[in-house]
């Protein structure tokens, strides 16, 4: 697996920014984000369970441009 760095939240400073990558072999998106709070988790769970091999994250809306770039890169893969 070779990850291509797309971008990270420039407003998070040194505190572990939400970050977006594209796997260059599969074109999958790899997203590092903030853990969700219990209220958000409850709303997600209302739609169905979160399997043990999955997780739910939050990324700030200000990262939409970075996410769009990752989607464009992924489509090219």
Protein backbone atom coordinates (compact mmCIF):
# COMPACT_ATOMS: atom_id res chain seq x y z
CA UNK A 1 0.00 0.00 0.00
CA UNK A 2 1.35 3.42 -0.99
CA UNK A 3 -0.51 6.39 0.48
CA UNK A 4 -0.58 9.71 -1.30
CA UNK A 5 -0.91 12.61 1.14
CA UNK A 6 -3.61 15.00 -0.02
CA UNK A 7 -3.89 17.46 2.83
CA UNK A 8 -4.67 18.13 6.45
CA UNK A 9 -6.62 20.61 8.52
CA UNK A 10 -4.37 23.64 8.72
CA UNK A 11 -6.33 25.00 11.70
CA UNK A 12 -5.41 22.11 14.05
CA UNK A 13 -1.80 23.19 14.55
CA UNK A 14 0.43 20.61 16.26
CA UNK A 15 -2.43 18.62 17.76
CA UNK A 16 -2.88 15.84 15.23
CA UNK A 17 -4.84 17.23 12.36
CA UNK A 18 -7.60 15.53 10.46
CA UNK A 19 -5.76 14.28 7.37
CA UNK A 20 -6.79 12.80 4.02
CA UNK A 21 -4.81 10.33 1.89
CA UNK A 22 -5.52 8.26 -1.22
CA UNK A 23 -4.24 4.69 -1.51
CA UNK A 24 -2.46 4.77 -4.86
CA UNK A 25 -3.01 1.06 -5.48
CA UNK A 26 -6.74 0.83 -4.75
CA UNK A 27 -7.83 4.50 -4.98
CA UNK A 28 -9.45 4.13 -1.55
CA UNK A 29 -9.67 7.23 0.62
CA UNK A 30 -7.88 7.06 3.97
CA UNK A 31 -9.18 9.66 6.42
CA UNK A 32 -7.86 10.52 9.86
CA UNK A 33 -10.42 12.50 11.83
CA UNK A 34 -11.69 13.39 15.24
CA UNK A 35 -13.40 10.78 17.37
CA UNK A 36 -17.11 11.34 17.57
CA UNK A 37 -18.88 12.16 20.84
CA UNK A 38 -21.51 9.94 22.42
CA UNK A 39 -24.43 12.05 21.13
CA UNK A 40 -23.18 11.76 17.55
CA UNK A 41 -22.56 8.04 18.02
CA UNK A 42 -26.12 7.55 19.25
CA UNK A 43 -27.48 9.25 16.14
CA UNK A 44 -25.26 7.12 13.88
CA UNK A 45 -26.33 3.96 15.69
CA UNK A 46 -29.98 4.87 15.11
CA UNK A 47 -29.31 4.17 11.42
CA UNK A 48 -27.65 0.82 12.17
CA UNK A 49 -24.78 -0.79 14.05
CA UNK A 50 -21.12 0.12 13.64
CA UNK A 51 -19.32 -3.17 12.95
CA UNK A 52 -16.24 -3.93 15.05
CA UNK A 53 -14.01 -3.52 11.99
CA UNK A 54 -15.35 -0.01 11.25
CA UNK A 55 -15.31 3.38 12.94
CA UNK A 56 -16.99 6.73 12.49
CA UNK A 57 -14.95 9.94 12.42
CA UNK A 58 -15.64 13.64 12.06
CA UNK A 59 -13.74 16.02 9.81
CA UNK A 60 -14.37 19.76 9.77
CA UNK A 61 -16.46 21.23 6.95
CA UNK A 62 -13.54 23.55 6.16
CA UNK A 63 -11.75 20.47 4.77
CA UNK A 64 -14.31 20.02 1.96
CA UNK A 65 -11.80 21.32 -0.59
CA UNK A 66 -9.21 18.74 0.51
CA UNK A 67 -11.83 15.98 0.41
CA UNK A 68 -12.88 17.03 -3.11
CA UNK A 69 -9.24 16.89 -4.20
CA UNK A 70 -8.93 13.38 -2.76
CA UNK A 71 -12.07 12.32 -4.62
CA UNK A 72 -10.66 13.70 -7.87
CA UNK A 73 -7.38 11.84 -7.33
CA UNK A 74 -9.28 8.66 -6.46
CA UNK A 75 -11.33 8.84 -9.66
CA UNK A 76 -8.14 9.04 -11.69
CA UNK A 77 -6.81 5.89 -10.04
